[in-house]
Amino acid sequence: MTLDGKLATESGDSKWLTNSISRENVHYMRHNLDGIMVGANTVINDNPSLTTRLPEGGGKNPIRIVTDSKLRIPLDYTLVNTTDEAQTWVFCSEEANEEKAKQLEERGVKVFRAGSNTVDLVKTMKILGENGVKSVLLEGGGQLNWSMLEASLINKVISFIAPKLLGGKRSITPIGGKGFDLMAQAVELDNISIERFGKDICITGYPI
């Protein structure tokens, strides 16, 4: 994020926010973790690949995990059509369209139903654990980040901060959603460490 806490402009432009050294470090994180998790809006807006691209080439691709209660992910998107390169697991609600689920599965996507009309994140994490996924890199977007924080499902925060000022009350922030009502409810981090990646600063901490 920027120094004033922005993830992207109001139009969604975020390239490039942090520098190449920070982005490279994130790819090493992907290489070392079992899964990478994003929400449906991130997929629909960005059509990401969510693969590992190390500077020396190669790297292990994490399982690409998408929370998509209504199965809105388009069938022609990258995550659906590159399952030979990296696994894609989609978590939806019980109400999600059965035919769409079948179409995704025909393309190699694993579909899990977790929750009645929305995706139950606690159930999702339990299913992931039961299927051998022990570590997940949560990459957003803002609504999913908030929902995971609210459900106390985040146990480590790694925040890359670029020395840039973006402004804009409608600019996108890393954590969206309703937010807490009181400052006393804010999630505080402990065991803080600070690193430099070029001009960027990385703050790592653990929710108390």
C-alpha atoms as a PDB file:
ATOM      1  CA  MET A   1       0.000   0.000   0.000  1.00  0.00           C
ATOM      2  CA  THR A   2       0.967   3.658  -0.244  1.00  0.00           C
ATOM      3  CA  LEU A   3       2.146   5.654   2.749  1.00  0.00           C
ATOM      4  CA  ASP A   4      -1.380   7.074   3.075  1.00  0.00           C
ATOM      5  CA  GLY A   5      -2.911   3.592   3.140  1.00  0.00           C
ATOM      6  CA  LYS A   6      -4.155   3.165  -0.429  1.00  0.00           C
ATOM      7  CA  LEU A   7      -4.087  -0.056  -2.434  1.00  0.00           C
ATOM      8  CA  ALA A   8      -5.248   1.384  -5.754  1.00  0.00           C
ATOM      9  CA  THR A   9      -6.858   4.430  -7.294  1.00  0.00           C
ATOM     10  CA  GLU A  10     -10.639   4.814  -7.475  1.00  0.00           C
ATOM     11  CA  SER A  11     -10.496   3.358 -10.994  1.00  0.00           C
ATOM     12  CA  GLY A  12      -8.618   0.302  -9.705  1.00  0.00           C
ATOM     13  CA  ASP A  13      -5.186   1.163 -11.115  1.00  0.00           C
ATOM     14  CA  SER A  14      -2.423  -0.274  -8.926  1.00  0.00           C
ATOM     15  CA  LYS A  15       0.519  -0.880 -11.281  1.00  0.00           C
ATOM     16  CA  TRP A  16       2.991  -0.508  -9.965  1.00  0.00           C
ATOM     17  CA  LEU A  17       2.467   0.433  -6.357  1.00  0.00           C
ATOM     18  CA  THR A  18       5.468  -1.187  -4.709  1.00  0.00           C
ATOM     19  CA  ASN A  19       8.852  -1.682  -6.355  1.00  0.00           C
ATOM     20  CA  SER A  20      10.206  -4.737  -8.166  1.00  0.00           C
ATOM     21  CA  ILE A  21      12.190  -5.881  -5.107  1.00  0.00           C
ATOM     22  CA  SER A  22       9.019  -6.052  -2.975  1.00  0.00           C
ATOM     23  CA  ARG A  23       7.116  -7.849  -5.720  1.00  0.00           C
ATOM     24  CA  GLU A  24       9.943 -10.341  -6.110  1.00  0.00           C
ATOM     25  CA  ASN A  25       9.803 -11.046  -2.369  1.00  0.00           C
ATOM     26  CA  VAL A  26       6.081 -11.820  -2.631  1.00  0.00           C
ATOM     27  CA  HIS A  27       6.816 -14.403  -5.327  1.00  0.00           C
ATOM     28  CA  TYR A  28       9.216 -16.125  -2.933  1.00  0.00           C
ATOM     29  CA  MET A  29       6.362 -16.183  -0.392  1.00  0.00           C
ATOM     30  CA  ARG A  30       4.105 -17.832  -2.972  1.00  0.00           C
ATOM     31  CA  HIS A  31       6.853 -20.385  -3.653  1.00  0.00           C
ATOM     32  CA  ASN A  32       7.043 -21.354   0.035  1.00  0.00           C
ATOM     33  CA  LEU A  33       3.324 -21.540   0.878  1.00  0.00           C
ATOM     34  CA  ASP A  34       0.647 -24.121   0.095  1.00  0.00           C
ATOM     35  CA  GLY A  35      -2.084 -21.787  -1.137  1.00  0.00           C
ATOM     36  CA  ILE A  36      -2.857 -18.255  -2.275  1.00  0.00           C
ATOM     37  CA  MET A  37      -6.338 -16.901  -1.569  1.00  0.00           C
ATOM     38  CA  VAL A  38      -8.368 -14.136  -3.226  1.00  0.00           C
ATOM     39  CA  GLY A  39     -12.003 -13.104  -3.485  1.00  0.00           C
ATOM     40  CA  ALA A  40     -14.224 -13.256  -6.561  1.00  0.00           C
ATOM     41  CA  ASN A  41     -14.063  -9.485  -7.136  1.00  0.00           C
ATOM     42  CA  THR A  42     -10.268  -9.581  -7.374  1.00  0.00           C
ATOM     43  CA  VAL A  43     -10.467 -12.354  -9.962  1.00  0.00           C
ATOM     44  CA  ILE A  44     -13.192 -10.643 -12.002  1.00  0.00           C
ATOM     45  CA  ASN A  45     -11.488  -7.229 -11.946  1.00  0.00           C
ATOM     46  CA  ASP A  46      -7.884  -8.336 -12.497  1.00  0.00           C
ATOM     47  CA  ASN A  47      -8.019 -11.776 -14.182  1.00  0.00           C
ATOM     48  CA  PRO A  48      -4.790 -12.743 -12.357  1.00  0.00           C
ATOM     49  CA  SER A  49      -2.658 -15.834 -12.858  1.00  0.00           C
ATOM     50  CA  LEU A  50      -1.579 -16.083  -9.168  1.00  0.00           C
ATOM     51  CA  THR A  51       1.435 -18.189 -10.116  1.00  0.00           C
ATOM     52  CA  THR A  52       5.017 -18.028  -8.870  1.00  0.00           C
ATOM     53  CA  ARG A  53       7.501 -16.185 -11.035  1.00  0.00           C
ATOM     54  CA  LEU A  54      10.967 -16.248  -9.485  1.00  0.00           C
ATOM     55  CA  PRO A  55      13.712 -14.110 -11.044  1.00  0.00           C
ATOM     56  CA  GLU A  56      15.866 -17.195 -11.611  1.00  0.00           C
ATOM     57  CA  GLY A  57      12.913 -19.004 -13.203  1.00  0.00           C
ATOM     58  CA  GLY A  58      10.801 -21.878 -11.977  1.00  0.00           C
ATOM     59  CA  GLY A  59       9.237 -21.938  -8.547  1.00  0.00           C
ATOM     60  CA  LYS A  60       6.401 -23.885  -6.932  1.00  0.00           C
ATOM     61  CA  ASN A  61       2.921 -22.634  -7.701  1.00  0.00           C
ATOM     62  CA  PRO A  62       0.576 -22.512  -4.695  1.00  0.00           C
ATOM     63  CA  ILE A  63      -2.975 -23.813  -4.956  1.00  0.00           C
ATOM     64  CA  ARG A  64      -5.085 -20.878  -6.141  1.00  0.00           C
ATOM     65  CA  ILE A  65      -8.039 -20.499  -3.768  1.00  0.00           C
ATOM     66  CA  VAL A  66     -11.025 -18.324  -4.692  1.00  0.00           C
ATOM     67  CA  THR A  67     -14.026 -17.471  -2.511  1.00  0.00           C
ATOM     68  CA  ASP A  68     -16.912 -17.052  -4.953  1.00  0.00           C
ATOM     69  CA  SER A  69     -20.300 -17.596  -3.314  1.00  0.00           C
ATOM     70  CA  LYS A  70     -22.323 -17.374  -6.555  1.00  0.00           C
ATOM     71  CA  LEU A  71     -19.685 -18.815  -8.929  1.00  0.00           C
ATOM     72  CA  ARG A  72     -19.330 -15.572 -10.862  1.00  0.00           C
ATOM     73  CA  ILE A  73     -15.834 -16.382 -12.116  1.00  0.00           C
ATOM     74  CA  PRO A  74     -15.905 -16.324 -15.967  1.00  0.00           C
ATOM     75  CA  LEU A  75     -15.145 -19.585 -17.731  1.00  0.00           C
ATOM     76  CA  ASP A  76     -12.647 -17.929 -20.093  1.00  0.00           C
ATOM     77  CA  TYR A  77     -10.484 -16.516 -17.277  1.00  0.00           C
ATOM     78  CA  THR A  78      -6.889 -17.510 -16.560  1.00  0.00           C
ATOM     79  CA  LEU A  79      -7.510 -19.348 -13.270  1.00  0.00           C
ATOM     80  CA  VAL A  80     -10.054 -21.592 -14.997  1.00  0.00           C
ATOM     81  CA  ASN A  81      -7.970 -22.443 -18.041  1.00  0.00           C
ATOM     82  CA  THR A  82      -4.503 -22.994 -16.575  1.00  0.00           C
ATOM     83  CA  THR A  83      -5.233 -25.803 -14.109  1.00  0.00           C
ATOM     84  CA  ASP A  84      -2.499 -27.861 -15.772  1.00  0.00           C
ATOM     85  CA  GLU A  85      -0.049 -25.219 -14.540  1.00  0.00           C
ATOM     86  CA  ALA A  86      -1.473 -24.665 -11.041  1.00  0.00           C
ATOM     87  CA  GLN A  87      -4.497 -26.041  -9.190  1.00  0.00           C
ATOM     88  CA  THR A  88      -7.545 -23.813  -8.763  1.00  0.00           C
ATOM     89  CA  TRP A  89      -9.981 -24.425  -5.909  1.00  0.00           C
ATOM     90  CA  VAL A  90     -13.195 -22.415  -5.750  1.00  0.00           C
ATOM     91  CA  PHE A  91     -15.312 -22.176  -2.595  1.00  0.00           C
ATOM     92  CA  CYS A  92     -18.957 -21.334  -3.152  1.00  0.00           C
ATOM     93  CA  SER A  93     -22.297 -21.447  -1.310  1.00  0.00           C
ATOM     94  CA  GLU A  94     -24.854 -24.231  -1.383  1.00  0.00           C
ATOM     95  CA  GLU A  95     -27.026 -21.984  -3.568  1.00  0.00           C
ATOM     96  CA  ALA A  96     -24.434 -21.622  -6.340  1.00  0.00           C
ATOM     97  CA  ASN A  97     -25.491 -22.818  -9.797  1.00  0.00           C
ATOM     98  CA  GLU A  98     -24.930 -26.550 -10.245  1.00  0.00           C
ATOM     99  CA  GLU A  99     -24.378 -26.292 -13.997  1.00  0.00           C
ATOM    100  CA  LYS A 100     -21.695 -23.600 -13.536  1.00  0.00           C
ATOM    101  CA  ALA A 101     -19.983 -25.800 -10.955  1.00  0.00           C
ATOM    102  CA  LYS A 102     -19.973 -28.678 -13.441  1.00  0.00           C
ATOM    103  CA  GLN A 103     -18.503 -26.465 -16.168  1.00  0.00           C
ATOM    104  CA  LEU A 104     -15.714 -25.373 -13.852  1.00  0.00           C
ATOM    105  CA  GLU A 105     -14.980 -28.948 -12.808  1.00  0.00           C
ATOM    106  CA  GLU A 106     -14.820 -30.018 -16.463  1.00  0.00           C
ATOM    107  CA  ARG A 107     -11.973 -27.520 -16.841  1.00  0.00           C
ATOM    108  CA  GLY A 108     -10.068 -28.999 -13.895  1.00  0.00           C
ATOM    109  CA  VAL A 109     -11.249 -26.616 -11.174  1.00  0.00           C
ATOM    110  CA  LYS A 110     -12.131 -28.143  -7.802  1.00  0.00           C
ATOM    111  CA  VAL A 111     -15.394 -26.749  -6.430  1.00  0.00           C
ATOM    112  CA  PHE A 112     -16.196 -26.885  -2.706  1.00  0.00           C
ATOM    113  CA  ARG A 113     -19.490 -25.829  -1.175  1.00  0.00           C
ATOM    114  CA  ALA A 114     -18.949 -24.097   2.164  1.00  0.00           C
ATOM    115  CA  GLY A 115     -21.928 -22.225   3.597  1.00  0.00           C
ATOM    116  CA  SER A 116     -25.619 -21.791   2.809  1.00  0.00           C
ATOM    117  CA  ASN A 117     -25.863 -18.473   0.924  1.00  0.00           C
ATOM    118  CA  THR A 118     -22.361 -17.051   1.457  1.00  0.00           C
ATOM    119  CA  VAL A 119     -18.968 -18.662   1.838  1.00  0.00           C
ATOM    120  CA  ASP A 120     -18.327 -19.661   5.452  1.00  0.00           C
ATOM    121  CA  LEU A 121     -14.663 -18.769   5.909  1.00  0.00           C
ATOM    122  CA  VAL A 122     -14.189 -20.850   9.058  1.00  0.00           C
ATOM    123  CA  LYS A 123     -15.537 -23.885   7.209  1.00  0.00           C
ATOM    124  CA  THR A 124     -13.376 -22.998   4.223  1.00  0.00           C
ATOM    125  CA  MET A 125     -10.204 -22.981   6.300  1.00  0.00           C
ATOM    126  CA  LYS A 126     -11.211 -26.285   7.889  1.00  0.00           C
ATOM    127  CA  ILE A 127     -11.706 -27.863   4.455  1.00  0.00           C
ATOM    128  CA  LEU A 128      -8.338 -26.540   3.324  1.00  0.00           C
ATOM    129  CA  GLY A 129      -6.637 -28.057   6.355  1.00  0.00           C
ATOM    130  CA  GLU A 130      -8.363 -31.391   5.786  1.00  0.00           C
ATOM    131  CA  ASN A 131      -7.032 -31.364   2.235  1.00  0.00           C
ATOM    132  CA  GLY A 132      -3.436 -30.747   3.206  1.00  0.00           C
ATOM    133  CA  VAL A 133      -3.287 -26.962   2.823  1.00  0.00           C
ATOM    134  CA  LYS A 134      -1.485 -25.786   5.944  1.00  0.00           C
ATOM    135  CA  SER A 135      -0.398 -22.284   4.908  1.00  0.00           C
ATOM    136  CA  VAL A 136      -2.295 -19.673   2.904  1.00  0.00           C
ATOM    137  CA  LEU A 137      -1.145 -16.323   1.540  1.00  0.00           C
ATOM    138  CA  LEU A 138      -4.173 -14.017   1.638  1.00  0.00           C
ATOM    139  CA  GLU A 139      -3.910 -11.449  -1.174  1.00  0.00           C
ATOM    140  CA  GLY A 140      -7.348  -9.854  -0.963  1.00  0.00           C
ATOM    141  CA  GLY A 141      -9.158  -7.902  -2.047  1.00  0.00           C
ATOM    142  CA  GLY A 142     -10.342  -5.542   0.618  1.00  0.00           C
ATOM    143  CA  GLN A 143     -13.663  -7.232   1.383  1.00  0.00           C
ATOM    144  CA  LEU A 144     -12.113 -10.685   1.808  1.00  0.00           C
ATOM    145  CA  ASN A 145      -9.276  -9.221   3.885  1.00  0.00           C
ATOM    146  CA  TRP A 146     -11.847  -7.615   6.190  1.00  0.00           C
ATOM    147  CA  SER A 147     -13.966 -10.772   6.448  1.00  0.00           C
ATOM    148  CA  MET A 148     -10.911 -12.868   7.359  1.00  0.00           C
ATOM    149  CA  LEU A 149      -9.791 -10.276   9.923  1.00  0.00           C
ATOM    150  CA  GLU A 150     -13.277 -10.052  11.441  1.00  0.00           C
ATOM    151  CA  ALA A 151     -13.404 -13.853  11.734  1.00  0.00           C
ATOM    152  CA  SER A 152      -9.987 -13.897  13.495  1.00  0.00           C
ATOM    153  CA  LEU A 153      -8.537 -16.074  10.731  1.00  0.00           C
ATOM    154  CA  ILE A 154      -5.387 -14.007  10.138  1.00  0.00           C
ATOM    155  CA  ASN A 155      -2.384 -14.985  12.229  1.00  0.00           C
ATOM    156  CA  LYS A 156       0.354 -13.000  10.480  1.00  0.00           C
ATOM    157  CA  VAL A 157       0.403  -9.653   8.686  1.00  0.00           C
ATOM    158  CA  ILE A 158       3.052  -8.642   6.151  1.00  0.00           C
ATOM    159  CA  SER A 159       2.519  -5.106   4.910  1.00  0.00           C
ATOM    160  CA  PHE A 160       4.615  -3.579   2.126  1.00  0.00           C
ATOM    161  CA  ILE A 161       4.473   0.235   2.233  1.00  0.00           C
ATOM    162  CA  ALA A 162       5.642   2.334  -0.687  1.00  0.00           C
ATOM    163  CA  PRO A 163       6.754   5.959  -0.011  1.00  0.00           C
ATOM    164  CA  LYS A 164       3.995   7.347  -2.213  1.00  0.00           C
ATOM    165  CA  LEU A 165       0.988   9.546  -1.463  1.00  0.00           C
ATOM    166  CA  LEU A 166      -2.102   8.816  -3.539  1.00  0.00           C
ATOM    167  CA  GLY A 167      -4.967  10.552  -1.769  1.00  0.00           C
ATOM    168  CA  GLY A 168      -8.613  10.255  -2.742  1.00  0.00           C
ATOM    169  CA  LYS A 169     -11.382   9.381  -0.311  1.00  0.00           C
ATOM    170  CA  ARG A 170     -12.628   6.776  -2.795  1.00  0.00           C
ATOM    171  CA  SER A 171      -9.228   5.230  -3.420  1.00  0.00           C
ATOM    172  CA  ILE A 172      -9.143   1.529  -2.547  1.00  0.00           C
ATOM    173  CA  THR A 173      -7.708   0.458   0.803  1.00  0.00           C
ATOM    174  CA  PRO A 174      -6.158  -2.939   1.695  1.00  0.00           C
ATOM    175  CA  ILE A 175      -8.923  -3.748   4.177  1.00  0.00           C
ATOM    176  CA  GLY A 176     -12.465  -2.762   3.252  1.00  0.00           C
ATOM    177  CA  GLY A 177     -15.762  -3.962   4.629  1.00  0.00           C
ATOM    178  CA  LYS A 178     -17.625  -2.314   7.478  1.00  0.00           C
ATOM    179  CA  GLY A 179     -14.621  -1.895   9.730  1.00  0.00           C
ATOM    180  CA  PHE A 180     -14.682  -1.691  13.503  1.00  0.00           C
ATOM    181  CA  ASP A 181     -16.760   0.977  15.248  1.00  0.00           C
ATOM    182  CA  LEU A 182     -14.239   1.835  17.961  1.00  0.00           C
ATOM    183  CA  MET A 183     -10.482   2.343  18.016  1.00  0.00           C
ATOM    184  CA  ALA A 184     -10.392  -0.018  21.000  1.00  0.00           C
ATOM    185  CA  GLN A 185     -11.605  -2.796  18.691  1.00  0.00           C
ATOM    186  CA  ALA A 186      -8.726  -2.381  16.240  1.00  0.00           C
ATOM    187  CA  VAL A 187      -6.553  -5.465  15.784  1.00  0.00           C
ATOM    188  CA  GLU A 188      -3.147  -4.727  17.275  1.00  0.00           C
ATOM    189  CA  LEU A 189       0.022  -6.435  16.077  1.00  0.00           C
ATOM    190  CA  ASP A 190       2.835  -7.723  18.269  1.00  0.00           C
ATOM    191  CA  ASN A 191       6.368  -9.059  17.668  1.00  0.00           C
ATOM    192  CA  ILE A 192       6.935  -6.405  15.024  1.00  0.00           C
ATOM    193  CA  SER A 193       9.814  -6.561  12.562  1.00  0.00           C
ATOM    194  CA  ILE A 194      10.720  -3.955   9.939  1.00  0.00           C
ATOM    195  CA  GLU A 195      12.670  -4.506   6.700  1.00  0.00           C
ATOM    196  CA  ARG A 196      13.650  -2.358   3.752  1.00  0.00           C
ATOM    197  CA  PHE A 197      13.209  -3.431   0.137  1.00  0.00           C
ATOM    198  CA  GLY A 198      14.753  -0.591  -1.814  1.00  0.00           C
ATOM    199  CA  LYS A 199      12.672   2.458  -0.883  1.00  0.00           C
ATOM    200  CA  ASP A 200       9.762   0.289   0.309  1.00  0.00           C
ATOM    201  CA  ILE A 201       9.253  -0.625   3.956  1.00  0.00           C
ATOM    202  CA  CYS A 202       7.881  -4.007   5.043  1.00  0.00           C
ATOM    203  CA  ILE A 203       6.252  -4.325   8.465  1.00  0.00           C
ATOM    204  CA  THR A 204       5.550  -7.832   9.767  1.00  0.00           C
ATOM    205  CA  GLY A 205       3.559  -8.566  12.917  1.00  0.00           C
ATOM    206  CA  TYR A 206       1.199 -10.998  14.588  1.00  0.00           C
ATOM    207  CA  PRO A 207      -2.342 -10.153  15.753  1.00  0.00           C
ATOM    208  CA  ILE A 208      -2.653 -10.171  19.529  1.00  0.00           C
END
